Amino acid sequence: MWIVPTVQHSDSGIYTCSITNQYITPERNLILDRWPITLHVVNSFSSSEILNTNLNPEVFPNPFNQSLTLQFKSQHELTSLSLINTSGEIVMQAKIKASEYIFNTEALPAGLYLLKAETGTSVAIFKIRKD
């Protein structure tokens, strides 16, 4: 995970990451890897960012321990859920079409996580903590 201390909401968007090597690249003009990256900016630990008002879930409890619940007022669209650790790794994920999903988080270590809920047109991101 790369932390940018002066990031702002206006920095959100899709970026391309180019990884180069100082020993190979200057001579051969070689880019070792290139991936599209979507950057979402969330202000503080307790905040959430909802990028489309059609997707407005509740996430509880926060902090969580053995389980984490994501609940929609109404849900009809297929939604991808991802629980992401501070290294940027997806540690749990699910695809749901229901109005509620409960993650069994008993095996996860304590720490900070991001919960991302995404449909074809909407994204909601929550910062959460496991005690």
Protein backbone atom coordinates (compact mmCIF):
# COMPACT_ATOMS: atom_id res chain seq x y z
CA MET A 1 0.00 0.00 0.00
CA TRP A 2 1.28 3.45 -0.87
CA ILE A 3 0.24 6.28 1.48
CA VAL A 4 0.17 9.80 0.07
CA PRO A 5 0.03 12.36 2.93
CA THR A 6 -1.30 15.35 0.95
CA VAL A 7 -3.94 13.63 -1.17
CA GLN A 8 -7.27 15.41 -1.79
CA HIS A 9 -10.69 14.31 -3.08
CA SER A 10 -9.84 15.94 -6.42
CA ASP A 11 -6.97 13.40 -6.77
CA SER A 12 -9.46 10.52 -7.11
CA GLY A 13 -9.43 8.84 -10.49
CA ILE A 14 -7.78 6.14 -12.59
CA TYR A 15 -4.00 6.12 -12.83
CA THR A 16 -1.43 3.98 -14.62
CA CYS A 17 1.44 2.61 -12.57
CA SER A 18 4.73 2.17 -14.42
CA ILE A 19 7.41 0.16 -12.67
CA THR A 20 10.92 0.69 -13.98
CA ASN A 21 14.34 -0.60 -13.02
CA GLN A 22 17.36 1.72 -13.04
CA TYR A 23 19.65 -1.04 -14.34
CA ILE A 24 17.52 -2.22 -17.29
CA THR A 25 15.24 0.65 -18.27
CA PRO A 26 17.75 3.40 -19.25
CA GLU A 27 19.43 1.19 -21.86
CA ARG A 28 16.44 -0.66 -23.26
CA ASN A 29 13.58 1.73 -22.49
CA LEU A 30 11.74 -1.16 -20.85
CA ILE A 31 8.73 -0.78 -18.57
CA LEU A 32 8.54 -3.85 -16.36
CA ASP A 33 4.87 -3.64 -15.42
CA ARG A 34 1.87 -1.41 -16.00
CA TRP A 35 -1.50 -1.68 -14.22
CA PRO A 36 -4.56 0.58 -14.07
CA ILE A 37 -5.15 1.81 -10.53
CA THR A 38 -8.34 3.40 -9.21
CA LEU A 39 -7.65 5.86 -6.42
CA HIS A 40 -10.45 6.57 -3.92
CA VAL A 41 -9.83 9.24 -1.29
CA VAL A 42 -11.43 8.96 2.16
CA ASN A 43 -10.86 11.79 4.65
CA SER A 44 -10.56 10.23 8.11
CA PHE A 45 -10.66 6.91 9.94
CA SER A 46 -14.35 7.05 10.79
CA SER A 47 -15.47 8.31 7.41
CA SER A 48 -16.93 6.65 4.38
CA GLU A 49 -16.96 7.71 0.78
CA ILE A 50 -20.05 7.00 -1.26
CA LEU A 51 -19.41 7.78 -4.89
CA ASN A 52 -23.02 7.31 -6.00
CA THR A 53 -26.10 7.94 -3.85
CA ASN A 54 -27.84 4.80 -5.19
CA LEU A 55 -25.58 2.69 -2.96
CA ASN A 56 -25.92 3.66 0.70
CA PRO A 57 -25.11 0.69 2.96
CA GLU A 58 -24.74 0.60 6.73
CA VAL A 59 -21.64 -1.13 8.11
CA PHE A 60 -21.59 -2.31 11.73
CA PRO A 61 -20.18 -2.74 14.26
CA ASN A 62 -17.14 -0.51 13.86
CA PRO A 63 -14.82 -1.49 15.42
CA PHE A 64 -15.72 -5.14 14.76
CA ASN A 65 -14.47 -8.42 16.20
CA GLN A 66 -15.90 -11.79 15.12
CA SER A 67 -18.27 -10.57 12.41
CA LEU A 68 -18.93 -7.53 10.26
CA THR A 69 -22.35 -6.75 8.78
CA LEU A 70 -23.07 -4.78 5.61
CA GLN A 71 -26.74 -3.87 5.23
CA PHE A 72 -28.55 -2.12 2.37
CA LYS A 73 -31.95 -0.46 2.68
CA SER A 74 -32.91 -2.28 -0.53
CA GLN A 75 -30.75 -4.29 -2.88
CA HIS A 76 -31.56 -5.63 -6.32
CA GLU A 77 -28.24 -5.27 -8.16
CA LEU A 78 -25.29 -7.67 -7.98
CA THR A 79 -22.76 -6.15 -5.56
CA SER A 80 -19.09 -7.06 -5.15
CA LEU A 81 -17.79 -6.79 -1.59
CA SER A 82 -14.07 -6.66 -0.77
CA LEU A 83 -12.39 -6.47 2.63
CA ILE A 84 -8.90 -5.04 2.09
CA ASN A 85 -6.02 -4.95 4.59
CA THR A 86 -3.47 -2.15 4.97
CA SER A 87 -1.11 -3.91 2.55
CA GLY A 88 -3.75 -3.54 -0.16
CA GLU A 89 -4.52 -7.27 -0.23
CA ILE A 90 -8.10 -8.48 -0.52
CA VAL A 91 -8.52 -10.73 2.51
CA MET A 92 -12.22 -11.53 2.00
CA GLN A 93 -14.64 -11.00 -0.85
CA ALA A 94 -18.16 -11.91 -1.88
CA LYS A 95 -20.70 -11.23 -4.60
CA ILE A 96 -24.22 -10.71 -3.30
CA LYS A 97 -27.67 -9.80 -4.53
CA ALA A 98 -29.20 -9.68 -1.04
CA SER A 99 -29.89 -6.74 1.24
CA GLU A 100 -27.49 -7.97 3.94
CA TYR A 101 -24.18 -9.79 4.15
CA ILE A 102 -22.25 -10.88 7.24
CA PHE A 103 -18.49 -11.44 7.03
CA ASN A 104 -17.09 -14.03 9.48
CA THR A 105 -13.99 -12.11 10.56
CA GLU A 106 -12.94 -14.28 13.51
CA ALA A 107 -9.70 -15.43 11.80
CA LEU A 108 -8.58 -11.94 10.75
CA PRO A 109 -5.86 -10.19 12.75
CA ALA A 110 -6.66 -6.95 14.57
CA GLY A 111 -6.00 -3.81 12.54
CA LEU A 112 -7.36 -1.34 10.01
CA TYR A 113 -9.29 -2.44 6.91
CA LEU A 114 -11.21 -0.96 3.99
CA LEU A 115 -14.59 -2.40 3.06
CA LYS A 116 -15.50 -1.73 -0.57
CA ALA A 117 -19.00 -2.31 -1.95
CA GLU A 118 -19.25 -1.92 -5.72
CA THR A 119 -21.95 -2.33 -8.35
CA GLY A 120 -21.67 -1.52 -12.04
CA THR A 121 -22.44 2.16 -11.34
CA SER A 122 -21.82 2.72 -7.60
CA VAL A 123 -18.96 2.45 -5.12
CA ALA A 124 -18.95 2.84 -1.33
CA ILE A 125 -15.76 2.56 0.72
CA PHE A 126 -15.61 2.34 4.52
CA LYS A 127 -12.63 2.50 6.86
CA ILE A 128 -13.14 -0.02 9.63
CA ARG A 129 -11.11 -1.49 12.48
CA LYS A 130 -10.91 -4.93 14.05
CA ASP A 131 -10.14 -5.01 17.76
